[in-house]
């Protein structure tokens, strides 16, 4: 997983055009917290730097966290969470047979 890519993607999503040590540290912490939270919600450890539905969900979760409203995220993105969980449940099942 490329944290440099994620860092820039999150800054772009949050429309943070400046760079200072304090802001950069907060974004890096936010990224690590978001990865842990989404991995738990999705039931799988993912690489969120890869383009796709998973990355879009990750970036939106970061936006919610940045705005201190992640408690609203699950209700607004429950369908996407279920879709991604189902996708990996099917892939996992296919690998077992």
PDB file of N, CA and C in Angstrom:
ATOM      1  N   UNK A   1       0.852  -1.175   0.000  1.00  0.00           N
ATOM      2  CA  UNK A   1       0.000   0.000   0.000  1.00  0.00           C
ATOM      3  C   UNK A   1       0.894   1.233   0.000  1.00  0.00           C
ATOM      4  N   UNK A   2       0.626   2.130  -0.885  1.00  0.00           N
ATOM      5  CA  UNK A   2       1.466   3.311  -1.024  1.00  0.00           C
ATOM      6  C   UNK A   2       0.878   4.473  -0.232  1.00  0.00           C
ATOM      7  N   UNK A   3       1.478   4.737   0.930  1.00  0.00           N
ATOM      8  CA  UNK A   3       0.979   5.806   1.796  1.00  0.00           C
ATOM      9  C   UNK A   3       1.179   7.183   1.194  1.00  0.00           C
ATOM     10  N   UNK A   4       2.204   7.357   0.333  1.00  0.00           N
ATOM     11  CA  UNK A   4       2.399   8.657  -0.310  1.00  0.00           C
ATOM     12  C   UNK A   4       1.247   8.968  -1.256  1.00  0.00           C
ATOM     13  N   UNK A   5       0.781   7.957  -1.978  1.00  0.00           N
ATOM     14  CA  UNK A   5      -0.359   8.147  -2.873  1.00  0.00           C
ATOM     15  C   UNK A   5      -1.607   8.480  -2.058  1.00  0.00           C
ATOM     16  N   UNK A   6      -1.848   7.710  -1.004  1.00  0.00           N
ATOM     17  CA  UNK A   6      -3.008   7.973  -0.158  1.00  0.00           C
ATOM     18  C   UNK A   6      -2.953   9.365   0.447  1.00  0.00           C
ATOM     19  N   UNK A   7      -1.780   9.756   0.889  1.00  0.00           N
ATOM     20  CA  UNK A   7      -1.618  11.079   1.495  1.00  0.00           C
ATOM     21  C   UNK A   7      -2.056  12.167   0.521  1.00  0.00           C
ATOM     22  N   UNK A   8      -1.597  12.093  -0.719  1.00  0.00           N
ATOM     23  CA  UNK A   8      -1.954  13.118  -1.697  1.00  0.00           C
ATOM     24  C   UNK A   8      -3.428  13.027  -2.095  1.00  0.00           C
ATOM     25  N   UNK A   9      -3.949  11.822  -2.216  1.00  0.00           N
ATOM     26  CA  UNK A   9      -5.366  11.656  -2.543  1.00  0.00           C
ATOM     27  C   UNK A   9      -6.260  12.255  -1.458  1.00  0.00           C
ATOM     28  N   UNK A  10      -5.897  12.024  -0.211  1.00  0.00           N
ATOM     29  CA  UNK A  10      -6.695  12.562   0.897  1.00  0.00           C
ATOM     30  C   UNK A  10      -6.592  14.081   0.929  1.00  0.00           C
ATOM     31  N   UNK A  11      -5.391  14.618   0.751  1.00  0.00           N
ATOM     32  CA  UNK A  11      -5.249  16.081   0.708  1.00  0.00           C
ATOM     33  C   UNK A  11      -6.106  16.670  -0.405  1.00  0.00           C
ATOM     34  N   UNK A  12      -6.113  16.038  -1.560  1.00  0.00           N
ATOM     35  CA  UNK A  12      -6.934  16.512  -2.679  1.00  0.00           C
ATOM     36  C   UNK A  12      -8.423  16.438  -2.333  1.00  0.00           C
ATOM     37  N   UNK A  13      -8.850  15.333  -1.737  1.00  0.00           N
ATOM     38  CA  UNK A  13     -10.258  15.168  -1.370  1.00  0.00           C
ATOM     39  C   UNK A  13     -10.688  16.226  -0.366  1.00  0.00           C
ATOM     40  N   UNK A  14      -9.795  16.549   0.560  1.00  0.00           N
ATOM     41  CA  UNK A  14     -10.105  17.533   1.600  1.00  0.00           C
ATOM     42  C   UNK A  14      -9.843  18.960   1.151  1.00  0.00           C
ATOM     43  N   UNK A  15      -9.356  19.113  -0.070  1.00  0.00           N
ATOM     44  CA  UNK A  15      -9.009  20.414  -0.661  1.00  0.00           C
ATOM     45  C   UNK A  15      -8.022  21.158   0.246  1.00  0.00           C
ATOM     46  N   UNK A  16      -6.998  20.434   0.656  1.00  0.00           N
ATOM     47  CA  UNK A  16      -5.914  21.031   1.439  1.00  0.00           C
ATOM     48  C   UNK A  16      -4.773  21.290   0.474  1.00  0.00           C
ATOM     49  N   UNK A  17      -4.557  22.564   0.178  1.00  0.00           N
ATOM     50  CA  UNK A  17      -3.552  22.948  -0.814  1.00  0.00           C
ATOM     51  C   UNK A  17      -2.247  23.387  -0.170  1.00  0.00           C
ATOM     52  N   UNK A  18      -2.255  23.566   1.138  1.00  0.00           N
ATOM     53  CA  UNK A  18      -1.050  24.005   1.828  1.00  0.00           C
ATOM     54  C   UNK A  18      -0.346  22.800   2.445  1.00  0.00           C
ATOM     55  N   UNK A  19       0.875  23.035   2.864  1.00  0.00           N
ATOM     56  CA  UNK A  19       1.636  21.977   3.509  1.00  0.00           C
ATOM     57  C   UNK A  19       2.372  22.554   4.709  1.00  0.00           C
ATOM     58  N   UNK A  20       2.049  22.025   5.854  1.00  0.00           N
ATOM     59  CA  UNK A  20       2.800  22.351   7.064  1.00  0.00           C
ATOM     60  C   UNK A  20       2.871  21.101   7.929  1.00  0.00           C
ATOM     61  N   UNK A  21       3.800  21.084   8.822  1.00  0.00           N
ATOM     62  CA  UNK A  21       4.090  19.888   9.609  1.00  0.00           C
ATOM     63  C   UNK A  21       2.876  19.405  10.402  1.00  0.00           C
ATOM     64  N   UNK A  22       2.155  20.312  11.034  1.00  0.00           N
ATOM     65  CA  UNK A  22       1.019  19.944  11.864  1.00  0.00           C
ATOM     66  C   UNK A  22      -0.113  19.351  11.016  1.00  0.00           C
ATOM     67  N   UNK A  23      -0.443  19.991   9.906  1.00  0.00           N
ATOM     68  CA  UNK A  23      -1.498  19.488   9.026  1.00  0.00           C
ATOM     69  C   UNK A  23      -1.112  18.136   8.435  1.00  0.00           C
ATOM     70  N   UNK A  24       0.124  18.007   7.985  1.00  0.00           N
ATOM     71  CA  UNK A  24       0.587  16.739   7.410  1.00  0.00           C
ATOM     72  C   UNK A  24       0.501  15.605   8.426  1.00  0.00           C
ATOM     73  N   UNK A  25       0.866  15.881   9.662  1.00  0.00           N
ATOM     74  CA  UNK A  25       0.799  14.867  10.718  1.00  0.00           C
ATOM     75  C   UNK A  25      -0.648  14.451  10.970  1.00  0.00           C
ATOM     76  N   UNK A  26      -1.550  15.427  11.009  1.00  0.00           N
ATOM     77  CA  UNK A  26      -2.968  15.125  11.235  1.00  0.00           C
ATOM     78  C   UNK A  26      -3.539  14.272  10.106  1.00  0.00           C
ATOM     79  N   UNK A  27      -3.155  14.581   8.884  1.00  0.00           N
ATOM     80  CA  UNK A  27      -3.654  13.802   7.738  1.00  0.00           C
ATOM     81  C   UNK A  27      -3.107  12.384   7.792  1.00  0.00           C
ATOM     82  N   UNK A  28      -1.844  12.227   8.123  1.00  0.00           N
ATOM     83  CA  UNK A  28      -1.261  10.881   8.220  1.00  0.00           C
ATOM     84  C   UNK A  28      -1.953  10.069   9.316  1.00  0.00           C
ATOM     85  N   UNK A  29      -2.238  10.688  10.453  1.00  0.00           N
ATOM     86  CA  UNK A  29      -2.961  10.004  11.525  1.00  0.00           C
ATOM     87  C   UNK A  29      -4.377   9.643  11.078  1.00  0.00           C
ATOM     88  N   UNK A  30      -5.029  10.569  10.397  1.00  0.00           N
ATOM     89  CA  UNK A  30      -6.372  10.340   9.895  1.00  0.00           C
ATOM     90  C   UNK A  30      -6.387   9.144   8.944  1.00  0.00           C
ATOM     91  N   UNK A  31      -5.399   9.060   8.073  1.00  0.00           N
ATOM     92  CA  UNK A  31      -5.307   7.948   7.118  1.00  0.00           C
ATOM     93  C   UNK A  31      -5.183   6.615   7.850  1.00  0.00           C
ATOM     94  N   UNK A  32      -4.317   6.549   8.840  1.00  0.00           N
ATOM     95  CA  UNK A  32      -4.131   5.297   9.578  1.00  0.00           C
ATOM     96  C   UNK A  32      -5.404   4.904  10.321  1.00  0.00           C
ATOM     97  N   UNK A  33      -6.072   5.879  10.933  1.00  0.00           N
ATOM     98  CA  UNK A  33      -7.322   5.593  11.629  1.00  0.00           C
ATOM     99  C   UNK A  33      -8.405   5.149  10.652  1.00  0.00           C
ATOM    100  N   UNK A  34      -8.477   5.796   9.496  1.00  0.00           N
ATOM    101  CA  UNK A  34      -9.488   5.451   8.492  1.00  0.00           C
ATOM    102  C   UNK A  34      -9.249   4.046   7.953  1.00  0.00           C
ATOM    103  N   UNK A  35      -7.990   3.686   7.698  1.00  0.00           N
ATOM    104  CA  UNK A  35      -7.692   2.336   7.214  1.00  0.00           C
ATOM    105  C   UNK A  35      -8.152   1.289   8.222  1.00  0.00           C
ATOM    106  N   UNK A  36      -7.841   1.503   9.492  1.00  0.00           N
ATOM    107  CA  UNK A  36      -8.227   0.542  10.524  1.00  0.00           C
ATOM    108  C   UNK A  36      -9.747   0.438  10.635  1.00  0.00           C
ATOM    109  N   UNK A  37     -10.430   1.564  10.615  1.00  0.00           N
ATOM    110  CA  UNK A  37     -11.891   1.562  10.747  1.00  0.00           C
ATOM    111  C   UNK A  37     -12.553   0.879   9.551  1.00  0.00           C
ATOM    112  N   UNK A  38     -12.121   1.211   8.343  1.00  0.00           N
ATOM    113  CA  UNK A  38     -12.745   0.611   7.158  1.00  0.00           C
ATOM    114  C   UNK A  38     -12.401  -0.864   7.024  1.00  0.00           C
ATOM    115  N   UNK A  39     -11.184  -1.245   7.350  1.00  0.00           N
ATOM    116  CA  UNK A  39     -10.842  -2.676   7.323  1.00  0.00           C
ATOM    117  C   UNK A  39     -11.777  -3.455   8.239  1.00  0.00           C
ATOM    118  N   UNK A  40     -12.098  -2.872   9.390  1.00  0.00           N
ATOM    119  CA  UNK A  40     -13.022  -3.521  10.325  1.00  0.00           C
ATOM    120  C   UNK A  40     -14.436  -3.567   9.742  1.00  0.00           C
ATOM    121  N   UNK A  41     -14.907  -2.449   9.216  1.00  0.00           N
ATOM    122  CA  UNK A  41     -16.259  -2.384   8.655  1.00  0.00           C
ATOM    123  C   UNK A  41     -16.422  -3.338   7.467  1.00  0.00           C
ATOM    124  N   UNK A  42     -15.371  -3.448   6.654  1.00  0.00           N
ATOM    125  CA  UNK A  42     -15.436  -4.273   5.451  1.00  0.00           C
ATOM    126  C   UNK A  42     -15.051  -5.727   5.701  1.00  0.00           C
ATOM    127  N   UNK A  43     -14.420  -5.987   6.831  1.00  0.00           N
ATOM    128  CA  UNK A  43     -14.057  -7.351   7.175  1.00  0.00           C
ATOM    129  C   UNK A  43     -12.846  -7.875   6.431  1.00  0.00           C
ATOM    130  N   UNK A  44     -12.030  -6.967   5.882  1.00  0.00           N
ATOM    131  CA  UNK A  44     -10.850  -7.376   5.124  1.00  0.00           C
ATOM    132  C   UNK A  44      -9.853  -6.217   5.104  1.00  0.00           C
ATOM    133  N   UNK A  45      -8.576  -6.572   5.065  1.00  0.00           N
ATOM    134  CA  UNK A  45      -7.533  -5.562   4.949  1.00  0.00           C
ATOM    135  C   UNK A  45      -7.314  -5.254   3.469  1.00  0.00           C
ATOM    136  N   UNK A  46      -7.482  -3.979   3.090  1.00  0.00           N
ATOM    137  CA  UNK A  46      -7.416  -3.598   1.685  1.00  0.00           C
ATOM    138  C   UNK A  46      -6.348  -2.548   1.427  1.00  0.00           C
ATOM    139  N   UNK A  47      -5.960  -2.455   0.164  1.00  0.00           N
ATOM    140  CA  UNK A  47      -5.055  -1.409  -0.305  1.00  0.00           C
ATOM    141  C   UNK A  47      -5.922  -0.303  -0.906  1.00  0.00           C
ATOM    142  N   UNK A  48      -6.081   0.775  -0.184  1.00  0.00           N
ATOM    143  CA  UNK A  48      -6.968   1.854  -0.608  1.00  0.00           C
ATOM    144  C   UNK A  48      -6.316   2.806  -1.609  1.00  0.00           C
ATOM    145  N   UNK A  49      -5.088   2.548  -1.983  1.00  0.00           N
ATOM    146  CA  UNK A  49      -4.432   3.394  -2.985  1.00  0.00           C
ATOM    147  C   UNK A  49      -4.794   2.968  -4.406  1.00  0.00           C
ATOM    148  N   UNK A  50      -5.423   1.795  -4.552  1.00  0.00           N
ATOM    149  CA  UNK A  50      -5.819   1.273  -5.857  1.00  0.00           C
ATOM    150  C   UNK A  50      -7.180   1.865  -6.234  1.00  0.00           C
ATOM    151  N   UNK A  51      -7.291   2.325  -7.471  1.00  0.00           N
ATOM    152  CA  UNK A  51      -8.538   2.938  -7.938  1.00  0.00           C
ATOM    153  C   UNK A  51      -9.694   1.952  -7.854  1.00  0.00           C
ATOM    154  N   UNK A  52     -10.858   2.456  -7.492  1.00  0.00           N
ATOM    155  CA  UNK A  52     -12.050   1.626  -7.449  1.00  0.00           C
ATOM    156  C   UNK A  52     -12.996   2.057  -6.349  1.00  0.00           C
ATOM    157  N   UNK A  53     -14.024   1.252  -6.173  1.00  0.00           N
ATOM    158  CA  UNK A  53     -15.059   1.545  -5.188  1.00  0.00           C
ATOM    159  C   UNK A  53     -14.488   1.629  -3.776  1.00  0.00           C
ATOM    160  N   UNK A  54     -13.516   0.781  -3.480  1.00  0.00           N
ATOM    161  CA  UNK A  54     -12.909   0.770  -2.156  1.00  0.00           C
ATOM    162  C   UNK A  54     -12.198   2.094  -1.870  1.00  0.00           C
ATOM    163  N   UNK A  55     -11.469   2.612  -2.855  1.00  0.00           N
ATOM    164  CA  UNK A  55     -10.753   3.873  -2.663  1.00  0.00           C
ATOM    165  C   UNK A  55     -11.738   5.030  -2.513  1.00  0.00           C
ATOM    166  N   UNK A  56     -12.803   5.046  -3.322  1.00  0.00           N
ATOM    167  CA  UNK A  56     -13.809   6.103  -3.184  1.00  0.00           C
ATOM    168  C   UNK A  56     -14.427   6.091  -1.789  1.00  0.00           C
ATOM    169  N   UNK A  57     -14.728   4.907  -1.282  1.00  0.00           N
ATOM    170  CA  UNK A  57     -15.289   4.787   0.056  1.00  0.00           C
ATOM    171  C   UNK A  57     -14.293   5.289   1.095  1.00  0.00           C
ATOM    172  N   UNK A  58     -13.029   4.922   0.938  1.00  0.00           N
ATOM    173  CA  UNK A  58     -11.983   5.361   1.853  1.00  0.00           C
ATOM    174  C   UNK A  58     -11.873   6.889   1.880  1.00  0.00           C
ATOM    175  N   UNK A  59     -11.840   7.489   0.710  1.00  0.00           N
ATOM    176  CA  UNK A  59     -11.705   8.949   0.638  1.00  0.00           C
ATOM    177  C   UNK A  59     -12.919   9.643   1.250  1.00  0.00           C
ATOM    178  N   UNK A  60     -14.090   9.101   1.036  1.00  0.00           N
ATOM    179  CA  UNK A  60     -15.282   9.686   1.649  1.00  0.00           C
ATOM    180  C   UNK A  60     -15.255   9.514   3.165  1.00  0.00           C
ATOM    181  N   UNK A  61     -14.755   8.384   3.640  1.00  0.00           N
ATOM    182  CA  UNK A  61     -14.636   8.191   5.088  1.00  0.00           C
ATOM    183  C   UNK A  61     -13.656   9.203   5.678  1.00  0.00           C
ATOM    184  N   UNK A  62     -12.562   9.448   4.978  1.00  0.00           N
ATOM    185  CA  UNK A  62     -11.600  10.457   5.443  1.00  0.00           C
ATOM    186  C   UNK A  62     -12.251  11.835   5.515  1.00  0.00           C
ATOM    187  N   UNK A  63     -13.076  12.152   4.536  1.00  0.00           N
ATOM    188  CA  UNK A  63     -13.783  13.435   4.532  1.00  0.00           C
ATOM    189  C   UNK A  63     -14.700  13.541   5.750  1.00  0.00           C
ATOM    190  N   UNK A  64     -15.418  12.489   6.049  1.00  0.00           N
ATOM    191  CA  UNK A  64     -16.285  12.489   7.227  1.00  0.00           C
ATOM    192  C   UNK A  64     -15.469  12.636   8.504  1.00  0.00           C
ATOM    193  N   UNK A  65     -14.361  11.910   8.590  1.00  0.00           N
ATOM    194  CA  UNK A  65     -13.514  12.014   9.783  1.00  0.00           C
ATOM    195  C   UNK A  65     -12.959  13.428   9.943  1.00  0.00           C
ATOM    196  N   UNK A  66     -12.490  13.998   8.862  1.00  0.00           N
ATOM    197  CA  UNK A  66     -11.906  15.336   8.897  1.00  0.00           C
ATOM    198  C   UNK A  66     -12.924  16.364   9.391  1.00  0.00           C
ATOM    199  N   UNK A  67     -14.179  16.141   9.053  1.00  0.00           N
ATOM    200  CA  UNK A  67     -15.245  17.059   9.449  1.00  0.00           C
ATOM    201  C   UNK A  67     -15.957  16.628  10.730  1.00  0.00           C
ATOM    202  N   UNK A  68     -15.358  15.673  11.441  1.00  0.00           N
ATOM    203  CA  UNK A  68     -15.867  15.198  12.737  1.00  0.00           C
ATOM    204  C   UNK A  68     -17.319  14.717  12.667  1.00  0.00           C
ATOM    205  N   UNK A  69     -17.650  14.028  11.603  1.00  0.00           N
ATOM    206  CA  UNK A  69     -19.014  13.497  11.502  1.00  0.00           C
ATOM    207  C   UNK A  69     -19.008  12.045  11.020  1.00  0.00           C
ATOM    208  N   UNK A  70     -17.971  11.289  11.396  1.00  0.00           N
ATOM    209  CA  UNK A  70     -17.910   9.897  10.959  1.00  0.00           C
ATOM    210  C   UNK A  70     -19.053   9.064  11.521  1.00  0.00           C
ATOM    211  N   UNK A  71     -19.724   9.569  12.568  1.00  0.00           N
ATOM    212  CA  UNK A  71     -20.891   8.853  13.096  1.00  0.00           C
ATOM    213  C   UNK A  71     -22.041   8.817  12.085  1.00  0.00           C
ATOM    214  N   UNK A  72     -22.020   9.671  11.071  1.00  0.00           N
ATOM    215  CA  UNK A  72     -23.045   9.686  10.034  1.00  0.00           C
ATOM    216  C   UNK A  72     -22.669   8.836   8.817  1.00  0.00           C
ATOM    217  N   UNK A  73     -21.443   8.388   8.774  1.00  0.00           N
ATOM    218  CA  UNK A  73     -20.929   7.686   7.606  1.00  0.00           C
ATOM    219  C   UNK A  73     -21.654   6.371   7.332  1.00  0.00           C
ATOM    220  N   UNK A  74     -21.809   5.546   8.344  1.00  0.00           N
ATOM    221  CA  UNK A  74     -22.391   4.217   8.143  1.00  0.00           C
ATOM    222  C   UNK A  74     -23.780   4.300   7.519  1.00  0.00           C
ATOM    223  N   UNK A  75     -24.612   5.196   8.008  1.00  0.00           N
ATOM    224  CA  UNK A  75     -25.964   5.321   7.451  1.00  0.00           C
ATOM    225  C   UNK A  75     -25.924   5.781   5.999  1.00  0.00           C
ATOM    226  N   UNK A  76     -25.023   6.678   5.673  1.00  0.00           N
ATOM    227  CA  UNK A  76     -24.963   7.222   4.319  1.00  0.00           C
ATOM    228  C   UNK A  76     -24.291   6.287   3.314  1.00  0.00           C
ATOM    229  N   UNK A  77     -23.434   5.388   3.791  1.00  0.00           N
ATOM    230  CA  UNK A  77     -22.672   4.520   2.890  1.00  0.00           C
ATOM    231  C   UNK A  77     -22.884   3.032   3.168  1.00  0.00           C
ATOM    232  N   UNK A  78     -23.949   2.703   3.848  1.00  0.00           N
ATOM    233  CA  UNK A  78     -24.203   1.310   4.208  1.00  0.00           C
ATOM    234  C   UNK A  78     -24.299   0.412   2.977  1.00  0.00           C
ATOM    235  N   UNK A  79     -24.939   0.883   1.923  1.00  0.00           N
ATOM    236  CA  UNK A  79     -25.060   0.089   0.708  1.00  0.00           C
ATOM    237  C   UNK A  79     -23.683  -0.225   0.121  1.00  0.00           C
ATOM    238  N   UNK A  80     -22.799   0.763   0.046  1.00  0.00           N
ATOM    239  CA  UNK A  80     -21.455   0.534  -0.497  1.00  0.00           C
ATOM    240  C   UNK A  80     -20.652  -0.413   0.392  1.00  0.00           C
ATOM    241  N   UNK A  81     -20.807  -0.262   1.697  1.00  0.00           N
ATOM    242  CA  UNK A  81     -20.118  -1.164   2.628  1.00  0.00           C
ATOM    243  C   UNK A  81     -20.565  -2.601   2.381  1.00  0.00           C
ATOM    244  N   UNK A  82     -21.873  -2.811   2.249  1.00  0.00           N
ATOM    245  CA  UNK A  82     -22.397  -4.150   1.987  1.00  0.00           C
ATOM    246  C   UNK A  82     -21.931  -4.688   0.636  1.00  0.00           C
ATOM    247  N   UNK A  83     -21.909  -3.840  -0.370  1.00  0.00           N
ATOM    248  CA  UNK A  83     -21.456  -4.282  -1.694  1.00  0.00           C
ATOM    249  C   UNK A  83     -20.012  -4.770  -1.649  1.00  0.00           C
ATOM    250  N   UNK A  84     -19.152  -4.014  -0.998  1.00  0.00           N
ATOM    251  CA  UNK A  84     -17.737  -4.389  -0.935  1.00  0.00           C
ATOM    252  C   UNK A  84     -17.562  -5.644  -0.087  1.00  0.00           C
ATOM    253  N   UNK A  85     -18.252  -5.725   1.052  1.00  0.00           N
ATOM    254  CA  UNK A  85     -18.174  -6.938   1.883  1.00  0.00           C
ATOM    255  C   UNK A  85     -18.600  -8.156   1.072  1.00  0.00           C
ATOM    256  N   UNK A  86     -19.699  -8.023   0.356  1.00  0.00           N
ATOM    257  CA  UNK A  86     -20.206  -9.139  -0.444  1.00  0.00           C
ATOM    258  C   UNK A  86     -19.190  -9.543  -1.516  1.00  0.00           C
ATOM    259  N   UNK A  87     -18.602  -8.563  -2.174  1.00  0.00           N
ATOM    260  CA  UNK A  87     -17.602  -8.832  -3.212  1.00  0.00           C
ATOM    261  C   UNK A  87     -16.469  -9.716  -2.668  1.00  0.00           C
ATOM    262  N   UNK A  88     -15.946  -9.353  -1.508  1.00  0.00           N
ATOM    263  CA  UNK A  88     -14.824 -10.113  -0.953  1.00  0.00           C
ATOM    264  C   UNK A  88     -15.265 -11.429  -0.322  1.00  0.00           C
ATOM    265  N   UNK A  89     -16.501 -11.516   0.141  1.00  0.00           N
ATOM    266  CA  UNK A  89     -17.012 -12.798   0.616  1.00  0.00           C
ATOM    267  C   UNK A  89     -17.097 -13.794  -0.542  1.00  0.00           C
ATOM    268  N   UNK A  90     -17.566 -13.316  -1.697  1.00  0.00           N
ATOM    269  CA  UNK A  90     -17.656 -14.174  -2.884  1.00  0.00           C
ATOM    270  C   UNK A  90     -16.258 -14.588  -3.345  1.00  0.00           C
ATOM    271  N   UNK A  91     -15.337 -13.629  -3.411  1.00  0.00           N
ATOM    272  CA  UNK A  91     -13.961 -13.953  -3.821  1.00  0.00           C
ATOM    273  C   UNK A  91     -13.321 -14.959  -2.875  1.00  0.00           C
ATOM    274  N   UNK A  92     -13.545 -14.793  -1.587  1.00  0.00           N
ATOM    275  CA  UNK A  92     -13.001 -15.702  -0.593  1.00  0.00           C
ATOM    276  C   UNK A  92     -13.612 -17.101  -0.753  1.00  0.00           C
ATOM    277  N   UNK A  93     -14.925 -17.161  -0.994  1.00  0.00           N
ATOM    278  CA  UNK A  93     -15.595 -18.427  -1.194  1.00  0.00           C
ATOM    279  C   UNK A  93     -15.057 -19.145  -2.449  1.00  0.00           C
ATOM    280  N   UNK A  94     -14.883 -18.367  -3.534  1.00  0.00           N
ATOM    281  CA  UNK A  94     -14.378 -18.950  -4.786  1.00  0.00           C
ATOM    282  C   UNK A  94     -12.974 -19.519  -4.605  1.00  0.00           C
ATOM    283  N   UNK A  95     -12.155 -18.886  -3.798  1.00  0.00           N
ATOM    284  CA  UNK A  95     -10.795 -19.366  -3.576  1.00  0.00           C
ATOM    285  C   UNK A  95     -10.785 -20.661  -2.768  1.00  0.00           C
ATOM    286  N   UNK A  96     -11.800 -20.864  -1.963  1.00  0.00           N
ATOM    287  CA  UNK A  96     -11.850 -22.064  -1.128  1.00  0.00           C
ATOM    288  C   UNK A  96     -12.328 -23.292  -1.894  1.00  0.00           C
ATOM    289  N   UNK A  97     -13.064 -23.085  -2.988  1.00  0.00           N
ATOM    290  CA  UNK A  97     -13.583 -24.260  -3.711  1.00  0.00           C
ATOM    291  C   UNK A  97     -12.676 -24.635  -4.866  1.00  0.00           C
TER     292      UNK A  97
END
